[in-house]
């Protein structure tokens, strides 16, 4: 599906999925430092305080067969509400692990990103630099692992003439 054929609501949903992925993958310290000025003084209301629990991980046989339980993982979540300039938004934060401060930061930034008055500025000043930082870290990791990559070559069968 191309962006041109997507409805405005599905385009907005995809944009939100994208920025939530960036917030979840961003290095912790970079996220907290970059988000601090945006979060300061905002009237956030905790709808669901950061809480840690377990989530069941499920898999499929051969990727498409019967489902089975793989195990459990620790998950932290948070939901905040932001009422500003006549617009009310709910921000969500979910992440594997036990980092309540980070998940609350993610939820607050998500709520701010849904506010029309701050979305463009936040995308440019926070999300895009974090996205670039994630891409650079991945490229460095791939370069580091490429140096130790083992390549197996197979011999072509001999042909008899």
N, C-alpha and C. Protein backbone atom coordinates (compact mmCIF):
# COMPACT_ATOMS: atom_id res chain seq x y z
N UNK A 1 0.85 -1.18 0.00
CA UNK A 1 0.00 0.00 0.00
C UNK A 1 0.89 1.23 0.00
N UNK A 2 0.66 2.14 -0.91
CA UNK A 2 1.45 3.36 -1.00
C UNK A 2 0.86 4.43 -0.09
N UNK A 3 1.66 5.41 0.22
CA UNK A 3 1.20 6.49 1.08
C UNK A 3 0.05 7.24 0.43
N UNK A 4 0.07 7.36 -0.90
CA UNK A 4 -0.98 8.09 -1.60
C UNK A 4 -2.33 7.40 -1.46
N UNK A 5 -2.33 6.07 -1.35
CA UNK A 5 -3.60 5.35 -1.26
C UNK A 5 -4.06 5.13 0.17
N UNK A 6 -3.28 5.56 1.14
CA UNK A 6 -3.65 5.37 2.54
C UNK A 6 -4.59 6.48 2.98
N UNK A 7 -5.53 6.14 3.85
CA UNK A 7 -6.44 7.15 4.39
C UNK A 7 -5.68 8.02 5.39
N UNK A 8 -6.19 9.22 5.68
CA UNK A 8 -5.49 10.08 6.64
C UNK A 8 -5.32 9.42 8.01
N UNK A 9 -6.32 8.64 8.45
CA UNK A 9 -6.19 8.00 9.76
C UNK A 9 -5.13 6.90 9.74
N UNK A 10 -5.02 6.16 8.64
CA UNK A 10 -3.99 5.12 8.59
C UNK A 10 -2.61 5.74 8.42
N UNK A 11 -2.51 6.88 7.75
CA UNK A 11 -1.24 7.59 7.65
C UNK A 11 -0.81 8.09 9.03
N UNK A 12 -1.76 8.63 9.79
CA UNK A 12 -1.46 9.10 11.15
C UNK A 12 -1.07 7.93 12.04
N UNK A 13 -1.74 6.80 11.89
CA UNK A 13 -1.41 5.62 12.68
C UNK A 13 0.00 5.13 12.36
N UNK A 14 0.35 5.13 11.09
CA UNK A 14 1.69 4.70 10.69
C UNK A 14 2.74 5.66 11.23
N UNK A 15 2.47 6.95 11.16
CA UNK A 15 3.41 7.94 11.69
C UNK A 15 3.60 7.73 13.19
N UNK A 16 2.52 7.44 13.90
CA UNK A 16 2.62 7.20 15.34
C UNK A 16 3.41 5.93 15.63
N UNK A 17 3.16 4.87 14.85
CA UNK A 17 3.94 3.63 15.03
C UNK A 17 5.42 3.91 14.82
N UNK A 18 5.73 4.73 13.82
CA UNK A 18 7.13 5.05 13.53
C UNK A 18 7.79 5.79 14.68
N UNK A 19 7.11 6.83 15.22
CA UNK A 19 7.78 7.58 16.29
C UNK A 19 7.83 6.77 17.58
N UNK A 20 6.83 5.91 17.84
CA UNK A 20 6.91 5.05 19.02
C UNK A 20 8.06 4.06 18.90
N UNK A 21 8.32 3.56 17.69
CA UNK A 21 9.45 2.65 17.48
C UNK A 21 10.77 3.37 17.74
N UNK A 22 10.87 4.61 17.29
CA UNK A 22 12.09 5.39 17.53
C UNK A 22 12.27 5.61 19.03
N UNK A 23 11.21 5.98 19.72
CA UNK A 23 11.30 6.21 21.17
C UNK A 23 11.71 4.94 21.91
N UNK A 24 11.19 3.80 21.48
CA UNK A 24 11.51 2.53 22.14
C UNK A 24 12.94 2.09 21.88
N UNK A 25 13.49 2.41 20.70
CA UNK A 25 14.83 1.94 20.34
C UNK A 25 15.94 2.93 20.65
N UNK A 26 15.58 4.15 20.97
CA UNK A 26 16.58 5.19 21.22
C UNK A 26 17.40 4.85 22.48
N UNK A 27 18.68 5.21 22.47
CA UNK A 27 19.48 5.02 23.68
C UNK A 27 18.85 5.80 24.85
N UNK A 28 18.82 5.18 26.01
CA UNK A 28 18.12 5.74 27.17
C UNK A 28 18.54 7.16 27.49
N UNK A 29 19.84 7.38 27.67
CA UNK A 29 20.32 8.70 28.08
C UNK A 29 20.04 9.75 27.02
N UNK A 30 20.19 9.39 25.76
CA UNK A 30 19.91 10.35 24.68
C UNK A 30 18.44 10.74 24.68
N UNK A 31 17.56 9.78 24.88
CA UNK A 31 16.12 10.05 24.92
C UNK A 31 15.77 10.97 26.08
N UNK A 32 16.22 10.63 27.27
CA UNK A 32 15.87 11.43 28.46
C UNK A 32 16.44 12.84 28.36
N UNK A 33 17.67 12.97 27.87
CA UNK A 33 18.29 14.29 27.76
C UNK A 33 17.58 15.14 26.70
N UNK A 34 17.29 14.56 25.54
CA UNK A 34 16.65 15.33 24.46
C UNK A 34 15.20 15.68 24.78
N UNK A 35 14.52 14.82 25.53
CA UNK A 35 13.11 15.05 25.82
C UNK A 35 12.87 15.98 27.00
N UNK A 36 13.86 16.17 27.85
CA UNK A 36 13.67 16.95 29.08
C UNK A 36 13.09 18.35 28.84
N UNK A 37 13.59 19.15 27.89
CA UNK A 37 13.00 20.49 27.72
C UNK A 37 11.56 20.45 27.22
N UNK A 38 11.19 19.44 26.48
CA UNK A 38 9.83 19.34 25.95
C UNK A 38 8.84 18.93 27.02
N UNK A 39 9.29 18.10 27.97
CA UNK A 39 8.41 17.58 29.01
C UNK A 39 8.20 18.58 30.14
N UNK A 40 9.16 19.47 30.34
CA UNK A 40 9.14 20.38 31.48
C UNK A 40 7.91 21.29 31.44
N UNK A 41 7.21 21.36 32.56
CA UNK A 41 6.09 22.27 32.71
C UNK A 41 4.80 21.86 32.01
N UNK A 42 4.75 20.68 31.43
CA UNK A 42 3.54 20.23 30.76
C UNK A 42 2.56 19.63 31.77
N UNK A 43 1.26 19.84 31.58
CA UNK A 43 0.27 19.34 32.54
C UNK A 43 -0.11 17.87 32.29
N UNK A 44 0.85 16.96 32.42
CA UNK A 44 0.56 15.54 32.21
C UNK A 44 -0.20 14.98 33.40
N UNK A 45 -1.16 14.13 33.12
CA UNK A 45 -1.92 13.45 34.16
C UNK A 45 -1.70 11.94 33.96
N UNK A 46 -1.26 11.28 35.01
CA UNK A 46 -1.03 9.83 34.91
C UNK A 46 -2.37 9.09 34.87
N UNK A 47 -2.61 8.40 33.80
CA UNK A 47 -3.80 7.55 33.70
C UNK A 47 -3.47 6.15 34.20
N UNK A 48 -2.28 5.71 33.89
CA UNK A 48 -1.76 4.43 34.37
C UNK A 48 -0.29 4.66 34.68
N UNK A 49 0.03 4.70 35.96
CA UNK A 49 1.42 4.94 36.37
C UNK A 49 2.31 3.84 35.81
N UNK A 50 3.61 4.13 35.63
CA UNK A 50 4.49 3.08 35.13
C UNK A 50 4.40 1.83 36.00
N UNK A 51 4.15 0.72 35.34
CA UNK A 51 4.05 -0.55 36.07
C UNK A 51 4.76 -1.63 35.27
N UNK A 52 5.35 -2.55 36.00
CA UNK A 52 6.11 -3.64 35.39
C UNK A 52 5.38 -4.94 35.61
N UNK A 53 5.32 -5.74 34.58
CA UNK A 53 4.66 -7.04 34.66
C UNK A 53 5.28 -8.00 33.66
N UNK A 54 4.60 -9.10 33.44
CA UNK A 54 5.09 -10.11 32.51
C UNK A 54 4.18 -10.20 31.30
N UNK A 55 4.77 -10.46 30.16
CA UNK A 55 4.01 -10.69 28.93
C UNK A 55 4.42 -12.05 28.39
N UNK A 56 3.44 -12.81 27.92
CA UNK A 56 3.72 -14.12 27.34
C UNK A 56 4.19 -13.94 25.90
N UNK A 57 5.31 -14.54 25.59
CA UNK A 57 5.83 -14.52 24.23
C UNK A 57 5.36 -15.78 23.53
N UNK A 58 4.82 -15.61 22.32
CA UNK A 58 4.30 -16.75 21.58
C UNK A 58 5.05 -16.88 20.27
N UNK A 59 5.18 -18.11 19.82
CA UNK A 59 5.83 -18.38 18.54
C UNK A 59 4.95 -19.28 17.71
N UNK A 60 5.40 -19.56 16.50
CA UNK A 60 4.69 -20.48 15.61
C UNK A 60 5.67 -21.50 15.08
N UNK A 61 5.21 -22.71 14.95
CA UNK A 61 6.02 -23.77 14.38
C UNK A 61 6.31 -23.40 12.93
N UNK A 62 7.57 -23.38 12.55
CA UNK A 62 8.01 -23.05 11.20
C UNK A 62 7.51 -21.68 10.74
N UNK A 63 7.22 -20.79 11.66
CA UNK A 63 6.80 -19.44 11.32
C UNK A 63 5.36 -19.29 10.89
N UNK A 64 4.66 -20.37 10.60
CA UNK A 64 3.29 -20.26 10.12
C UNK A 64 2.37 -21.34 10.71
N UNK A 65 2.90 -22.26 11.48
CA UNK A 65 2.10 -23.37 11.99
C UNK A 65 1.41 -23.06 13.29
N UNK A 66 1.26 -24.08 14.10
CA UNK A 66 0.58 -23.96 15.39
C UNK A 66 1.33 -23.02 16.32
N UNK A 67 0.57 -22.27 17.11
CA UNK A 67 1.17 -21.36 18.09
C UNK A 67 1.59 -22.15 19.33
N UNK A 68 2.65 -21.64 19.95
CA UNK A 68 3.09 -22.21 21.22
C UNK A 68 3.71 -21.11 22.07
N UNK A 69 3.69 -21.30 23.38
CA UNK A 69 4.26 -20.32 24.31
C UNK A 69 5.76 -20.53 24.38
N UNK A 70 6.51 -19.47 24.09
CA UNK A 70 7.96 -19.54 24.13
C UNK A 70 8.45 -19.28 25.56
N UNK A 71 7.85 -18.31 26.21
CA UNK A 71 8.26 -17.95 27.56
C UNK A 71 7.67 -16.60 27.93
N UNK A 72 8.16 -16.03 29.02
CA UNK A 72 7.67 -14.75 29.49
C UNK A 72 8.78 -13.71 29.41
N UNK A 73 8.38 -12.46 29.27
CA UNK A 73 9.33 -11.35 29.25
C UNK A 73 8.80 -10.25 30.15
N UNK A 74 9.70 -9.52 30.78
CA UNK A 74 9.33 -8.39 31.62
C UNK A 74 9.01 -7.20 30.73
N UNK A 75 7.89 -6.54 31.03
CA UNK A 75 7.40 -5.42 30.22
C UNK A 75 6.97 -4.30 31.16
N UNK A 76 7.31 -3.06 30.82
CA UNK A 76 6.87 -1.91 31.60
C UNK A 76 6.01 -1.04 30.70
N UNK A 77 4.90 -0.52 31.26
CA UNK A 77 3.99 0.31 30.47
C UNK A 77 3.55 1.51 31.29
N UNK A 78 3.07 2.53 30.56
CA UNK A 78 2.60 3.76 31.19
C UNK A 78 1.64 4.45 30.23
N UNK A 79 0.63 5.13 30.77
CA UNK A 79 -0.30 5.92 29.96
C UNK A 79 -0.48 7.26 30.66
N UNK A 80 -0.34 8.35 29.87
CA UNK A 80 -0.55 9.70 30.39
C UNK A 80 -1.56 10.42 29.52
N UNK A 81 -2.21 11.43 30.12
CA UNK A 81 -3.14 12.27 29.37
C UNK A 81 -2.60 13.70 29.42
N UNK A 82 -2.73 14.37 28.27
CA UNK A 82 -2.29 15.75 28.16
C UNK A 82 -3.45 16.57 27.60
N UNK A 83 -3.87 17.57 28.39
CA UNK A 83 -4.92 18.50 27.94
C UNK A 83 -4.25 19.85 27.78
N UNK A 84 -4.22 20.30 26.51
CA UNK A 84 -3.53 21.56 26.21
C UNK A 84 -4.19 22.21 25.01
N UNK A 85 -4.49 23.47 25.12
CA UNK A 85 -5.05 24.25 24.02
C UNK A 85 -6.30 23.61 23.43
N UNK A 86 -7.16 23.09 24.29
CA UNK A 86 -8.41 22.49 23.84
C UNK A 86 -8.27 21.13 23.19
N UNK A 87 -7.11 20.54 23.26
CA UNK A 87 -6.85 19.23 22.64
C UNK A 87 -6.40 18.26 23.73
N UNK A 88 -7.06 17.11 23.80
CA UNK A 88 -6.71 16.09 24.79
C UNK A 88 -6.13 14.88 24.06
N UNK A 89 -4.96 14.44 24.49
CA UNK A 89 -4.32 13.26 23.89
C UNK A 89 -3.88 12.30 24.98
N UNK A 90 -3.87 11.02 24.63
CA UNK A 90 -3.34 9.97 25.51
C UNK A 90 -2.02 9.50 24.93
N UNK A 91 -0.99 9.49 25.75
CA UNK A 91 0.32 9.01 25.33
C UNK A 91 0.59 7.66 25.94
N UNK A 92 1.16 6.77 25.15
CA UNK A 92 1.46 5.41 25.60
C UNK A 92 2.96 5.16 25.59
N UNK A 93 3.40 4.39 26.54
CA UNK A 93 4.80 3.94 26.56
C UNK A 93 4.84 2.48 26.96
N UNK A 94 5.43 1.65 26.11
CA UNK A 94 5.61 0.21 26.38
C UNK A 94 7.04 -0.13 26.02
N UNK A 95 7.71 -0.92 26.86
CA UNK A 95 9.08 -1.33 26.54
C UNK A 95 9.43 -2.57 27.35
N UNK A 96 10.19 -3.46 26.73
CA UNK A 96 10.71 -4.61 27.46
C UNK A 96 11.66 -4.11 28.53
N UNK A 97 11.61 -4.71 29.69
CA UNK A 97 12.49 -4.33 30.78
C UNK A 97 11.75 -3.66 31.92
N UNK A 98 12.52 -3.04 32.82
CA UNK A 98 11.95 -2.48 34.05
C UNK A 98 12.20 -0.98 34.20
N UNK A 99 12.46 -0.26 33.14
CA UNK A 99 12.83 1.15 33.22
C UNK A 99 11.58 2.04 33.23
N UNK A 100 11.06 2.31 34.42
CA UNK A 100 9.82 3.10 34.56
C UNK A 100 10.01 4.55 34.10
N UNK A 101 11.14 5.15 34.40
CA UNK A 101 11.38 6.55 34.01
C UNK A 101 11.38 6.70 32.49
N UNK A 102 12.02 5.77 31.81
CA UNK A 102 12.09 5.81 30.35
C UNK A 102 10.70 5.63 29.73
N UNK A 103 9.91 4.70 30.26
CA UNK A 103 8.58 4.43 29.72
C UNK A 103 7.67 5.64 29.95
N UNK A 104 7.80 6.28 31.08
CA UNK A 104 7.00 7.50 31.33
C UNK A 104 7.40 8.60 30.36
N UNK A 105 8.68 8.75 30.12
CA UNK A 105 9.16 9.73 29.14
C UNK A 105 8.59 9.43 27.76
N UNK A 106 8.59 8.16 27.35
CA UNK A 106 8.03 7.77 26.06
C UNK A 106 6.55 8.14 25.97
N UNK A 107 5.80 7.88 27.03
CA UNK A 107 4.36 8.18 27.03
C UNK A 107 4.13 9.68 26.93
N UNK A 108 4.92 10.47 27.65
CA UNK A 108 4.74 11.92 27.62
C UNK A 108 5.09 12.49 26.25
N UNK A 109 6.15 12.00 25.63
CA UNK A 109 6.53 12.48 24.30
C UNK A 109 5.47 12.05 23.28
N UNK A 110 4.93 10.83 23.43
CA UNK A 110 3.87 10.38 22.53
C UNK A 110 2.66 11.31 22.63
N UNK A 111 2.29 11.69 23.83
CA UNK A 111 1.16 12.61 24.00
C UNK A 111 1.45 13.97 23.36
N UNK A 112 2.66 14.47 23.53
CA UNK A 112 3.03 15.74 22.91
C UNK A 112 3.05 15.66 21.39
N UNK A 113 3.50 14.53 20.86
CA UNK A 113 3.55 14.36 19.41
C UNK A 113 2.17 14.32 18.77
N UNK A 114 1.16 13.95 19.54
CA UNK A 114 -0.20 13.92 19.01
C UNK A 114 -0.87 15.29 19.05
N UNK A 115 -0.26 16.24 19.74
CA UNK A 115 -0.78 17.60 19.79
C UNK A 115 -0.39 18.32 18.50
N UNK A 116 -1.35 18.83 17.73
CA UNK A 116 -1.02 19.48 16.45
C UNK A 116 -0.06 20.65 16.60
N UNK A 117 -0.11 21.36 17.71
CA UNK A 117 0.73 22.55 17.89
C UNK A 117 2.20 22.23 18.08
N UNK A 118 2.53 21.02 18.54
CA UNK A 118 3.94 20.70 18.80
C UNK A 118 4.48 19.57 17.95
N UNK A 119 3.65 18.93 17.14
CA UNK A 119 4.09 17.75 16.41
C UNK A 119 5.25 18.02 15.45
N UNK A 120 5.13 19.01 14.59
CA UNK A 120 6.17 19.26 13.59
C UNK A 120 7.51 19.60 14.25
N UNK A 121 7.46 20.44 15.29
CA UNK A 121 8.70 20.81 15.98
C UNK A 121 9.34 19.61 16.66
N UNK A 122 8.54 18.79 17.31
CA UNK A 122 9.07 17.60 18.00
C UNK A 122 9.64 16.59 17.02
N UNK A 123 8.96 16.38 15.90
CA UNK A 123 9.48 15.44 14.90
C UNK A 123 10.85 15.89 14.41
N UNK A 124 10.99 17.18 14.13
CA UNK A 124 12.26 17.69 13.61
C UNK A 124 13.35 17.75 14.67
N UNK A 125 13.01 18.17 15.88
CA UNK A 125 14.02 18.40 16.91
C UNK A 125 14.35 17.18 17.75
N UNK A 126 13.44 16.22 17.83
CA UNK A 126 13.66 15.06 18.72
C UNK A 126 13.67 13.74 17.96
N UNK A 127 12.63 13.45 17.22
CA UNK A 127 12.49 12.12 16.61
C UNK A 127 13.54 11.90 15.51
N UNK A 128 13.71 12.86 14.60
CA UNK A 128 14.66 12.66 13.50
C UNK A 128 16.11 12.51 14.00
N UNK A 129 16.59 13.34 14.94
CA UNK A 129 17.95 13.11 15.45
C UNK A 129 18.10 11.75 16.13
N UNK A 130 17.07 11.32 16.88
CA UNK A 130 17.15 10.00 17.51
C UNK A 130 17.16 8.90 16.46
N UNK A 131 16.35 9.05 15.39
CA UNK A 131 16.32 8.07 14.30
C UNK A 131 17.70 7.95 13.65
N UNK A 132 18.35 9.09 13.42
CA UNK A 132 19.69 9.09 12.84
C UNK A 132 20.71 8.44 13.77
N UNK A 133 20.58 8.69 15.05
CA UNK A 133 21.48 8.08 16.03
C UNK A 133 21.30 6.56 16.05
N UNK A 134 20.07 6.09 15.97
CA UNK A 134 19.79 4.64 15.94
C UNK A 134 20.39 4.03 14.68
N UNK A 135 20.20 4.69 13.53
CA UNK A 135 20.74 4.18 12.26
C UNK A 135 22.26 4.13 12.30
N UNK A 136 22.90 5.15 12.88
CA UNK A 136 24.36 5.16 12.97
C UNK A 136 24.87 4.04 13.88
N UNK A 137 24.17 3.81 14.98
CA UNK A 137 24.57 2.73 15.89
C UNK A 137 24.41 1.36 15.21
N UNK A 138 23.34 1.18 14.45
CA UNK A 138 23.15 -0.08 13.72
C UNK A 138 24.23 -0.28 12.67
N UNK A 139 24.57 0.79 11.94
CA UNK A 139 25.61 0.68 10.92
C UNK A 139 26.95 0.33 11.55
N UNK A 140 27.26 0.94 12.70
CA UNK A 140 28.52 0.63 13.39
C UNK A 140 28.53 -0.82 13.86
N UNK A 141 27.39 -1.30 14.36
CA UNK A 141 27.30 -2.69 14.81
C UNK A 141 27.46 -3.65 13.64
N UNK A 142 26.85 -3.34 12.52
CA UNK A 142 26.98 -4.20 11.34
C UNK A 142 28.42 -4.20 10.83
N UNK A 143 29.08 -3.06 10.85
CA UNK A 143 30.47 -2.99 10.42
C UNK A 143 31.37 -3.79 11.35
N UNK A 144 31.10 -3.71 12.65
CA UNK A 144 31.90 -4.44 13.62
C UNK A 144 31.71 -5.95 13.47
N UNK A 145 30.46 -6.37 13.25
CA UNK A 145 30.21 -7.80 13.10
C UNK A 145 30.64 -8.32 11.72
N UNK A 146 30.66 -7.45 10.71
CA UNK A 146 31.08 -7.88 9.36
C UNK A 146 32.54 -8.29 9.34
N UNK A 147 33.35 -7.67 10.19
CA UNK A 147 34.78 -8.00 10.21
C UNK A 147 35.04 -9.41 10.71
N UNK A 148 34.12 -9.97 11.48
CA UNK A 148 34.31 -11.32 12.00
C UNK A 148 33.37 -12.33 11.35
N UNK A 149 32.72 -11.92 10.29
CA UNK A 149 31.76 -12.78 9.61
C UNK A 149 32.49 -13.93 8.91
N UNK A 150 31.95 -15.11 9.04
CA UNK A 150 32.51 -16.28 8.38
C UNK A 150 31.68 -16.55 7.13
N UNK A 151 32.37 -16.65 6.01
CA UNK A 151 31.68 -16.95 4.76
C UNK A 151 32.07 -18.35 4.32
N UNK A 152 31.09 -19.15 4.11
CA UNK A 152 31.33 -20.52 3.67
C UNK A 152 31.11 -20.59 2.16
N UNK A 153 32.08 -21.13 1.48
CA UNK A 153 31.97 -21.27 0.04
C UNK A 153 31.77 -22.74 -0.28
N UNK A 154 31.00 -23.00 -1.25
CA UNK A 154 30.83 -24.38 -1.68
C UNK A 154 31.55 -24.57 -3.00
N UNK A 155 32.06 -25.74 -3.16
CA UNK A 155 32.77 -26.04 -4.40
C UNK A 155 31.76 -26.47 -5.45
N UNK A 156 32.03 -26.05 -6.63
CA UNK A 156 31.18 -26.48 -7.73
C UNK A 156 31.54 -27.92 -8.07
N UNK A 157 30.57 -28.73 -8.40
CA UNK A 157 30.89 -30.12 -8.74
C UNK A 157 31.77 -30.18 -9.99
N UNK A 158 32.64 -31.13 -9.97
CA UNK A 158 33.52 -31.30 -11.14
C UNK A 158 32.71 -31.79 -12.32
N UNK A 159 33.05 -31.29 -13.44
CA UNK A 159 32.39 -31.78 -14.64
C UNK A 159 33.36 -32.69 -15.37
N UNK A 160 32.85 -33.74 -15.85
CA UNK A 160 33.70 -34.69 -16.59
C UNK A 160 33.58 -34.36 -18.07
N UNK A 161 34.70 -34.32 -18.70
CA UNK A 161 34.66 -34.03 -20.13
C UNK A 161 35.01 -35.22 -20.96
